[in-house]
PDB file of all heavy atoms in Angstrom:
ATOM      1  N   ASN A   1      15.396  32.182  -7.359  1.00  0.00           N
ATOM      2  CA  ASN A   1      15.860  33.276  -8.054  1.00  0.00           C
ATOM      3  C   ASN A   1      16.052  33.108  -9.446  1.00  0.00           C
ATOM      4  O   ASN A   1      15.937  34.042 -10.267  1.00  0.00           O
ATOM      5  CB  ASN A   1      17.269  33.735  -7.325  1.00  0.00           C
ATOM      6  CG  ASN A   1      17.132  34.190  -6.004  1.00  0.00           C
ATOM      7  OD1 ASN A   1      16.034  34.737  -5.584  1.00  0.00           O
ATOM      8  ND2 ASN A   1      18.225  34.290  -5.215  1.00  0.00           N
ATOM      9  N   ALA A   2      16.089  31.931  -9.931  1.00  0.00           N
ATOM     10  CA  ALA A   2      16.075  31.658 -11.442  1.00  0.00           C
ATOM     11  C   ALA A   2      14.812  31.990 -12.045  1.00  0.00           C
ATOM     12  O   ALA A   2      14.672  32.388 -13.254  1.00  0.00           O
ATOM     13  CB  ALA A   2      16.539  30.277 -11.730  1.00  0.00           C
ATOM     14  N   LYS A   3      13.648  31.950 -11.348  1.00  0.00           N
ATOM     15  CA  LYS A   3      12.321  32.058 -11.970  1.00  0.00           C
ATOM     16  C   LYS A   3      11.810  33.534 -11.347  1.00  0.00           C
ATOM     17  O   LYS A   3      10.626  33.898 -11.729  1.00  0.00           O
ATOM     18  CB  LYS A   3      11.387  31.091 -11.502  1.00  0.00           C
ATOM     19  CG  LYS A   3      11.813  29.623 -12.081  1.00  0.00           C
ATOM     20  CD  LYS A   3      10.791  28.628 -11.626  1.00  0.00           C
ATOM     21  CE  LYS A   3      11.060  27.265 -12.312  1.00  0.00           C
ATOM     22  NZ  LYS A   3       9.998  26.256 -11.999  1.00  0.00           N
ATOM     23  N   ASN A   4      12.606  34.207 -10.582  1.00  0.00           N
ATOM     24  CA  ASN A   4      12.134  35.492 -10.168  1.00  0.00           C
ATOM     25  C   ASN A   4      10.842  35.385  -9.334  1.00  0.00           C
ATOM     26  O   ASN A   4       9.888  36.289  -9.531  1.00  0.00           O
ATOM     27  CB  ASN A   4      12.071  36.530 -11.253  1.00  0.00           C
ATOM     28  CG  ASN A   4      13.377  36.892 -11.860  1.00  0.00           C
ATOM     29  OD1 ASN A   4      14.411  36.581 -11.367  1.00  0.00           O
ATOM     30  ND2 ASN A   4      13.264  37.497 -13.083  1.00  0.00           N
ATOM     31  N   THR A   5      10.715  34.305  -8.615  1.00  0.00           N
ATOM     32  CA  THR A   5       9.511  34.038  -7.924  1.00  0.00           C
ATOM     33  C   THR A   5       9.608  33.603  -6.413  1.00  0.00           C
ATOM     34  O   THR A   5      10.573  32.884  -6.035  1.00  0.00           O
ATOM     35  CB  THR A   5       8.764  32.953  -8.615  1.00  0.00           C
ATOM     36  OG1 THR A   5       8.393  33.259  -9.924  1.00  0.00           O
ATOM     37  CG2 THR A   5       7.360  32.639  -7.968  1.00  0.00           C
ATOM     38  N   MET A   6       8.739  34.155  -5.587  1.00  0.00           N
ATOM     39  CA  MET A   6       8.852  33.712  -4.115  1.00  0.00           C
ATOM     40  C   MET A   6       7.446  32.976  -3.893  1.00  0.00           C
ATOM     41  O   MET A   6       6.463  33.191  -4.615  1.00  0.00           O
ATOM     42  CB  MET A   6       8.759  35.013  -3.275  1.00  0.00           C
ATOM     43  CG  MET A   6       8.737  34.768  -1.858  1.00  0.00           C
ATOM     44  SD  MET A   6       8.780  36.317  -0.787  1.00  0.00           S
ATOM     45  CE  MET A   6       7.302  37.081  -1.461  1.00  0.00           C
ATOM     46  N   TYR A   7       7.593  32.156  -2.847  1.00  0.00           N
ATOM     47  CA  TYR A   7       6.382  31.235  -2.477  1.00  0.00           C
ATOM     48  C   TYR A   7       6.045  31.344  -1.088  1.00  0.00           C
ATOM     49  O   TYR A   7       6.950  31.573  -0.232  1.00  0.00           O
ATOM     50  CB  TYR A   7       6.581  29.856  -3.014  1.00  0.00           C
ATOM     51  CG  TYR A   7       6.943  29.737  -4.349  1.00  0.00           C
ATOM     52  CD1 TYR A   7       8.362  29.568  -4.766  1.00  0.00           C
ATOM     53  CD2 TYR A   7       6.116  29.602  -5.365  1.00  0.00           C
ATOM     54  CE1 TYR A   7       8.787  29.360  -5.983  1.00  0.00           C
ATOM     55  CE2 TYR A   7       6.482  29.460  -6.640  1.00  0.00           C
ATOM     56  CZ  TYR A   7       7.760  29.387  -7.072  1.00  0.00           C
ATOM     57  OH  TYR A   7       8.203  29.173  -8.313  1.00  0.00           O
ATOM     58  N   LEU A   8       4.781  31.145  -0.766  1.00  0.00           N
ATOM     59  CA  LEU A   8       4.328  30.898   0.609  1.00  0.00           C
ATOM     60  C   LEU A   8       3.509  29.711   0.738  1.00  0.00           C
ATOM     61  O   LEU A   8       2.368  29.763   0.156  1.00  0.00           O
ATOM     62  CB  LEU A   8       3.611  32.129   1.161  1.00  0.00           C
ATOM     63  CG  LEU A   8       3.224  32.050   2.652  1.00  0.00           C
ATOM     64  CD1 LEU A   8       4.533  32.105   3.477  1.00  0.00           C
ATOM     65  CD2 LEU A   8       2.285  33.167   3.051  1.00  0.00           C
ATOM     66  N   GLN A   9       4.090  28.664   1.167  1.00  0.00           N
ATOM     67  CA  GLN A   9       3.213  27.415   1.376  1.00  0.00           C
ATOM     68  C   GLN A   9       2.556  27.477   2.793  1.00  0.00           C
ATOM     69  O   GLN A   9       3.171  27.590   3.773  1.00  0.00           O
ATOM     70  CB  GLN A   9       4.140  26.145   1.445  1.00  0.00           C
ATOM     71  CG  GLN A   9       3.421  24.859   1.638  1.00  0.00           C
ATOM     72  CD  GLN A   9       2.527  24.486   0.491  1.00  0.00           C
ATOM     73  OE1 GLN A   9       2.668  24.676  -0.653  1.00  0.00           O
ATOM     74  NE2 GLN A   9       1.191  24.021   0.851  1.00  0.00           N
ATOM     75  N   MET A  10       1.176  27.389   2.710  1.00  0.00           N
ATOM     76  CA  MET A  10       0.448  27.602   3.928  1.00  0.00           C
ATOM     77  C   MET A  10      -0.293  26.339   4.210  1.00  0.00           C
ATOM     78  O   MET A  10      -1.178  25.813   3.351  1.00  0.00           O
ATOM     79  CB  MET A  10      -0.511  28.767   3.753  1.00  0.00           C
ATOM     80  CG  MET A  10       0.129  30.119   3.339  1.00  0.00           C
ATOM     81  SD  MET A  10      -1.073  31.482   3.352  1.00  0.00           S
ATOM     82  CE  MET A  10      -2.176  30.923   2.043  1.00  0.00           C
ATOM     83  N   ASP A  11      -0.066  25.565   5.394  1.00  0.00           N
ATOM     84  CA  ASP A  11      -0.627  24.381   5.829  1.00  0.00           C
ATOM     85  C   ASP A  11      -1.286  24.576   7.009  1.00  0.00           C
ATOM     86  O   ASP A  11      -1.230  25.529   7.752  1.00  0.00           O
ATOM     87  CB  ASP A  11       0.358  23.301   5.833  1.00  0.00           C
ATOM     88  CG  ASP A  11       1.121  23.008   4.569  1.00  0.00           C
ATOM     89  OD1 ASP A  11       0.512  22.936   3.558  1.00  0.00           O
ATOM     90  OD2 ASP A  11       2.348  22.812   4.618  1.00  0.00           O
ATOM     91  N   SER A  12      -2.250  23.641   7.251  1.00  0.00           N
ATOM     92  CA  SER A  12      -3.064  23.697   8.523  1.00  0.00           C
ATOM     93  C   SER A  12      -3.717  25.048   8.742  1.00  0.00           C
ATOM     94  O   SER A  12      -3.623  25.639   9.831  1.00  0.00           O
ATOM     95  CB  SER A  12      -2.198  23.462   9.885  1.00  0.00           C
ATOM     96  OG  SER A  12      -1.591  22.138   9.628  1.00  0.00           O
ATOM     97  N   LEU A  13      -4.337  25.623   7.692  1.00  0.00           N
ATOM     98  CA  LEU A  13      -4.938  26.926   7.639  1.00  0.00           C
ATOM     99  C   LEU A  13      -6.149  26.958   8.657  1.00  0.00           C
ATOM    100  O   LEU A  13      -6.820  25.996   8.867  1.00  0.00           O
ATOM    101  CB  LEU A  13      -5.391  27.181   6.338  1.00  0.00           C
ATOM    102  CG  LEU A  13      -4.338  27.732   5.299  1.00  0.00           C
ATOM    103  CD1 LEU A  13      -4.760  27.629   3.903  1.00  0.00           C
ATOM    104  CD2 LEU A  13      -3.962  29.044   5.648  1.00  0.00           C
ATOM    105  N   ARG A  14      -6.175  28.160   9.237  1.00  0.00           N
ATOM    106  CA  ARG A  14      -7.195  28.415  10.293  1.00  0.00           C
ATOM    107  C   ARG A  14      -8.037  29.652   9.771  1.00  0.00           C
ATOM    108  O   ARG A  14      -7.639  30.396   8.999  1.00  0.00           O
ATOM    109  CB  ARG A  14      -6.501  28.854  11.505  1.00  0.00           C
ATOM    110  CG  ARG A  14      -5.591  27.782  12.036  1.00  0.00           C
ATOM    111  CD  ARG A  14      -4.707  28.317  13.137  1.00  0.00           C
ATOM    112  NE  ARG A  14      -3.812  27.425  13.755  1.00  0.00           N
ATOM    113  CZ  ARG A  14      -2.751  27.684  14.469  1.00  0.00           C
ATOM    114  NH1 ARG A  14      -2.643  28.909  15.018  1.00  0.00           N
ATOM    115  NH2 ARG A  14      -1.977  26.756  14.936  1.00  0.00           N
ATOM    116  N   PRO A  15      -9.292  29.774  10.315  1.00  0.00           N
ATOM    117  CA  PRO A  15     -10.090  30.881   9.958  1.00  0.00           C
ATOM    118  C   PRO A  15      -9.489  32.195  10.171  1.00  0.00           C
ATOM    119  O   PRO A  15      -9.649  33.182   9.367  1.00  0.00           O
ATOM    120  CB  PRO A  15     -11.321  30.687  10.744  1.00  0.00           C
ATOM    121  CG  PRO A  15     -11.492  29.149  10.982  1.00  0.00           C
ATOM    122  CD  PRO A  15     -10.067  28.731  11.057  1.00  0.00           C
ATOM    123  N   GLU A  16      -8.673  32.283  11.153  1.00  0.00           N
ATOM    124  CA  GLU A  16      -8.042  33.515  11.530  1.00  0.00           C
ATOM    125  C   GLU A  16      -6.798  33.945  10.507  1.00  0.00           C
ATOM    126  O   GLU A  16      -6.248  34.956  10.567  1.00  0.00           O
ATOM    127  CB  GLU A  16      -7.386  33.456  13.011  1.00  0.00           C
ATOM    128  CG  GLU A  16      -6.535  32.308  13.311  1.00  0.00           C
ATOM    129  CD  GLU A  16      -7.219  31.221  13.976  1.00  0.00           C
ATOM    130  OE1 GLU A  16      -8.402  30.969  13.578  1.00  0.00           O
ATOM    131  OE2 GLU A  16      -6.797  30.586  14.933  1.00  0.00           O
ATOM    132  N   ASP A  17      -6.502  32.990   9.585  1.00  0.00           N
ATOM    133  CA  ASP A  17      -5.606  33.247   8.584  1.00  0.00           C
ATOM    134  C   ASP A  17      -6.138  33.993   7.362  1.00  0.00           C
ATOM    135  O   ASP A  17      -5.541  34.485   6.546  1.00  0.00           O
ATOM    136  CB  ASP A  17      -4.922  32.035   7.998  1.00  0.00           C
ATOM    137  CG  ASP A  17      -4.123  31.316   9.071  1.00  0.00           C
ATOM    138  OD1 ASP A  17      -3.328  31.991   9.789  1.00  0.00           O
ATOM    139  OD2 ASP A  17      -4.105  30.013   9.160  1.00  0.00           O
ATOM    140  N   THR A  18      -7.528  34.184   7.377  1.00  0.00           N
ATOM    141  CA  THR A  18      -8.258  34.957   6.308  1.00  0.00           C
ATOM    142  C   THR A  18      -7.856  36.300   6.355  1.00  0.00           C
ATOM    143  O   THR A  18      -7.788  37.022   7.286  1.00  0.00           O
ATOM    144  CB  THR A  18      -9.877  34.836   6.675  1.00  0.00           C
ATOM    145  OG1 THR A  18     -10.187  33.485   6.624  1.00  0.00           O
ATOM    146  CG2 THR A  18     -10.495  35.711   5.693  1.00  0.00           C
ATOM    147  N   ALA A  19      -7.376  36.688   5.102  1.00  0.00           N
ATOM    148  CA  ALA A  19      -6.860  38.008   4.970  1.00  0.00           C
ATOM    149  C   ALA A  19      -6.463  38.248   3.426  1.00  0.00           C
ATOM    150  O   ALA A  19      -6.435  37.359   2.638  1.00  0.00           O
ATOM    151  CB  ALA A  19      -5.541  38.279   5.798  1.00  0.00           C
ATOM    152  N   VAL A  20      -6.137  39.420   3.137  1.00  0.00           N
ATOM    153  CA  VAL A  20      -5.427  39.777   1.853  1.00  0.00           C
ATOM    154  C   VAL A  20      -4.002  39.666   2.039  1.00  0.00           C
ATOM    155  O   VAL A  20      -3.421  40.271   3.027  1.00  0.00           O
ATOM    156  CB  VAL A  20      -5.786  41.094   1.279  1.00  0.00           C
ATOM    157  CG1 VAL A  20      -5.053  41.448   0.052  1.00  0.00           C
ATOM    158  CG2 VAL A  20      -7.254  41.286   1.058  1.00  0.00           C
ATOM    159  N   TYR A  21      -3.269  38.867   1.268  1.00  0.00           N
ATOM    160  CA  TYR A  21      -1.822  38.621   1.436  1.00  0.00           C
ATOM    161  C   TYR A  21      -1.099  39.355   0.391  1.00  0.00           C
ATOM    162  O   TYR A  21      -1.350  39.303  -0.745  1.00  0.00           O
ATOM    163  CB  TYR A  21      -1.639  37.141   1.299  1.00  0.00           C
ATOM    164  CG  TYR A  21      -1.980  36.357   2.609  1.00  0.00           C
ATOM    165  CD1 TYR A  21      -3.333  36.146   2.816  1.00  0.00           C
ATOM    166  CD2 TYR A  21      -0.999  35.875   3.498  1.00  0.00           C
ATOM    167  CE1 TYR A  21      -3.601  35.429   4.046  1.00  0.00           C
ATOM    168  CE2 TYR A  21      -1.364  35.114   4.528  1.00  0.00           C
ATOM    169  CZ  TYR A  21      -2.671  34.860   4.940  1.00  0.00           C
ATOM    170  OH  TYR A  21      -2.969  34.156   6.036  1.00  0.00           O
ATOM    171  N   TYR A  22      -0.104  40.155   0.909  1.00  0.00           N
ATOM    172  CA  TYR A  22       0.711  40.892   0.118  1.00  0.00           C
ATOM    173  C   TYR A  22       2.248  40.454   0.035  1.00  0.00           C
ATOM    174  O   TYR A  22       2.685  40.164   1.057  1.00  0.00           O
ATOM    175  CB  TYR A  22       0.560  42.423   0.613  1.00  0.00           C
ATOM    176  CG  TYR A  22      -0.663  43.114   0.577  1.00  0.00           C
ATOM    177  CD1 TYR A  22      -1.457  42.992   1.582  1.00  0.00           C
ATOM    178  CD2 TYR A  22      -1.105  43.796  -0.560  1.00  0.00           C
ATOM    179  CE1 TYR A  22      -2.664  43.657   1.640  1.00  0.00           C
ATOM    180  CE2 TYR A  22      -2.358  44.375  -0.613  1.00  0.00           C
ATOM    181  CZ  TYR A  22      -3.180  44.277   0.511  1.00  0.00           C
ATOM    182  OH  TYR A  22      -4.314  44.942   0.565  1.00  0.00           O
ATOM    183  N   CYS A  23       2.792  40.466  -1.111  1.00  0.00           N
ATOM    184  CA  CYS A  23       4.311  40.327  -1.077  1.00  0.00           C
ATOM    185  C   CYS A  23       4.973  41.648  -1.218  1.00  0.00           C
ATOM    186  O   CYS A  23       4.374  42.681  -1.705  1.00  0.00           O
ATOM    187  CB  CYS A  23       4.682  39.312  -2.235  1.00  0.00           C
ATOM    188  SG  CYS A  23       4.550  40.013  -3.944  1.00  0.00           S
ATOM    189  N   ALA A  24       6.152  41.619  -0.691  1.00  0.00           N
ATOM    190  CA  ALA A  24       6.991  42.894  -0.638  1.00  0.00           C
ATOM    191  C   ALA A  24       8.486  42.622  -0.983  1.00  0.00           C
ATOM    192  O   ALA A  24       8.900  41.483  -0.723  1.00  0.00           O
ATOM    193  CB  ALA A  24       6.885  43.466   0.613  1.00  0.00           C
ATOM    194  N   ALA A  25       9.068  43.615  -1.578  1.00  0.00           N
ATOM    195  CA  ALA A  25      10.483  43.413  -1.874  1.00  0.00           C
ATOM    196  C   ALA A  25      11.219  44.659  -1.234  1.00  0.00           C
ATOM    197  O   ALA A  25      10.718  45.724  -1.216  1.00  0.00           O
ATOM    198  CB  ALA A  25      10.740  43.434  -3.405  1.00  0.00           C
ATOM    199  N   SER A  26      12.368  44.393  -0.685  1.00  0.00           N
ATOM    200  CA  SER A  26      13.171  45.371  -0.029  1.00  0.00           C
ATOM    201  C   SER A  26      14.622  45.322  -0.293  1.00  0.00           C
ATOM    202  O   SER A  26      15.099  44.079  -0.303  1.00  0.00           O
ATOM    203  CB  SER A  26      12.841  45.383   1.434  1.00  0.00           C
ATOM    204  OG  SER A  26      13.594  46.355   2.171  1.00  0.00           O
ATOM    205  N   LEU A  27      15.420  46.240  -0.280  1.00  0.00           N
ATOM    206  CA  LEU A  27      16.860  46.188  -0.192  1.00  0.00           C
ATOM    207  C   LEU A  27      17.336  46.068   1.147  1.00  0.00           C
ATOM    208  O   LEU A  27      18.638  45.907   1.476  1.00  0.00           O
ATOM    209  CB  LEU A  27      17.409  47.509  -0.868  1.00  0.00           C
ATOM    210  CG  LEU A  27      17.199  47.668  -2.465  1.00  0.00           C
ATOM    211  CD1 LEU A  27      17.618  48.968  -2.961  1.00  0.00           C
ATOM    212  CD2 LEU A  27      17.908  46.429  -3.180  1.00  0.00           C
ATOM    213  N   LYS A  28      16.410  46.169   2.176  1.00  0.00           N
ATOM    214  CA  LYS A  28      16.903  45.918   3.563  1.00  0.00           C
ATOM    215  C   LYS A  28      17.138  44.360   3.666  1.00  0.00           C
ATOM    216  O   LYS A  28      16.867  43.489   2.933  1.00  0.00           O
ATOM    217  CB  LYS A  28      15.760  46.372   4.532  1.00  0.00           C
ATOM    218  CG  LYS A  28      15.475  47.733   4.647  1.00  0.00           C
ATOM    219  CD  LYS A  28      14.503  48.128   5.671  1.00  0.00           C
ATOM    220  CE  LYS A  28      13.121  47.654   5.521  1.00  0.00           C
ATOM    221  NZ  LYS A  28      12.501  48.392   4.326  1.00  0.00           N
ATOM    222  N   LEU A  29      17.796  44.130   4.833  1.00  0.00           N
ATOM    223  CA  LEU A  29      17.964  42.763   5.223  1.00  0.00           C
ATOM    224  C   LEU A  29      16.602  42.050   5.563  1.00  0.00           C
ATOM    225  O   LEU A  29      15.707  42.828   6.028  1.00  0.00           O
ATOM    226  CB  LEU A  29      18.967  42.576   6.462  1.00  0.00           C
ATOM    227  CG  LEU A  29      20.382  43.026   6.296  1.00  0.00           C
ATOM    228  CD1 LEU A  29      21.052  42.929   7.543  1.00  0.00           C
ATOM    229  CD2 LEU A  29      20.975  42.149   5.239  1.00  0.00           C
ATOM    230  N   ALA A  30      16.469  40.822   5.264  1.00  0.00           N
ATOM    231  CA  ALA A  30      15.208  40.171   5.577  1.00  0.00           C
ATOM    232  C   ALA A  30      14.852  40.288   7.078  1.00  0.00           C
ATOM    233  O   ALA A  30      13.678  40.353   7.356  1.00  0.00           O
ATOM    234  CB  ALA A  30      15.289  38.769   5.086  1.00  0.00           C
ATOM    235  N   SER A  31      15.935  40.352   7.925  1.00  0.00           N
ATOM    236  CA  SER A  31      15.765  40.389   9.320  1.00  0.00           C
ATOM    237  C   SER A  31      15.107  41.727   9.813  1.00  0.00           C
ATOM    238  O   SER A  31      14.506  41.876  10.826  1.00  0.00           O
ATOM    239  CB  SER A  31      16.916  40.146  10.146  1.00  0.00           C
ATOM    240  OG  SER A  31      17.936  41.050   9.664  1.00  0.00           O
ATOM    241  N   ARG A  32      15.123  42.698   8.775  1.00  0.00           N
ATOM    242  CA  ARG A  32      14.552  44.039   9.086  1.00  0.00           C
ATOM    243  C   ARG A  32      13.285  44.216   8.572  1.00  0.00           C
ATOM    244  O   ARG A  32      12.665  45.344   8.550  1.00  0.00           O
ATOM    245  CB  ARG A  32      15.548  45.111   8.515  1.00  0.00           C
ATOM    246  CG  ARG A  32      16.907  45.077   9.088  1.00  0.00           C
ATOM    247  CD  ARG A  32      17.117  45.488  10.590  1.00  0.00           C
ATOM    248  NE  ARG A  32      18.281  45.527  11.126  1.00  0.00           N
ATOM    249  CZ  ARG A  32      18.937  46.741  11.356  1.00  0.00           C
ATOM    250  NH1 ARG A  32      18.487  47.824  10.915  1.00  0.00           N
ATOM    251  NH2 ARG A  32      20.244  46.710  11.829  1.00  0.00           N
TER     252      ARG A  32
END
């Protein structure tokens, strides 16, 4: 939060992980 940045560490990647990855921000709870 100090850097206003979110990360996604992806390990053991598989061919089926191939995609365009989008980040999103919401005022909803993360569980929603």
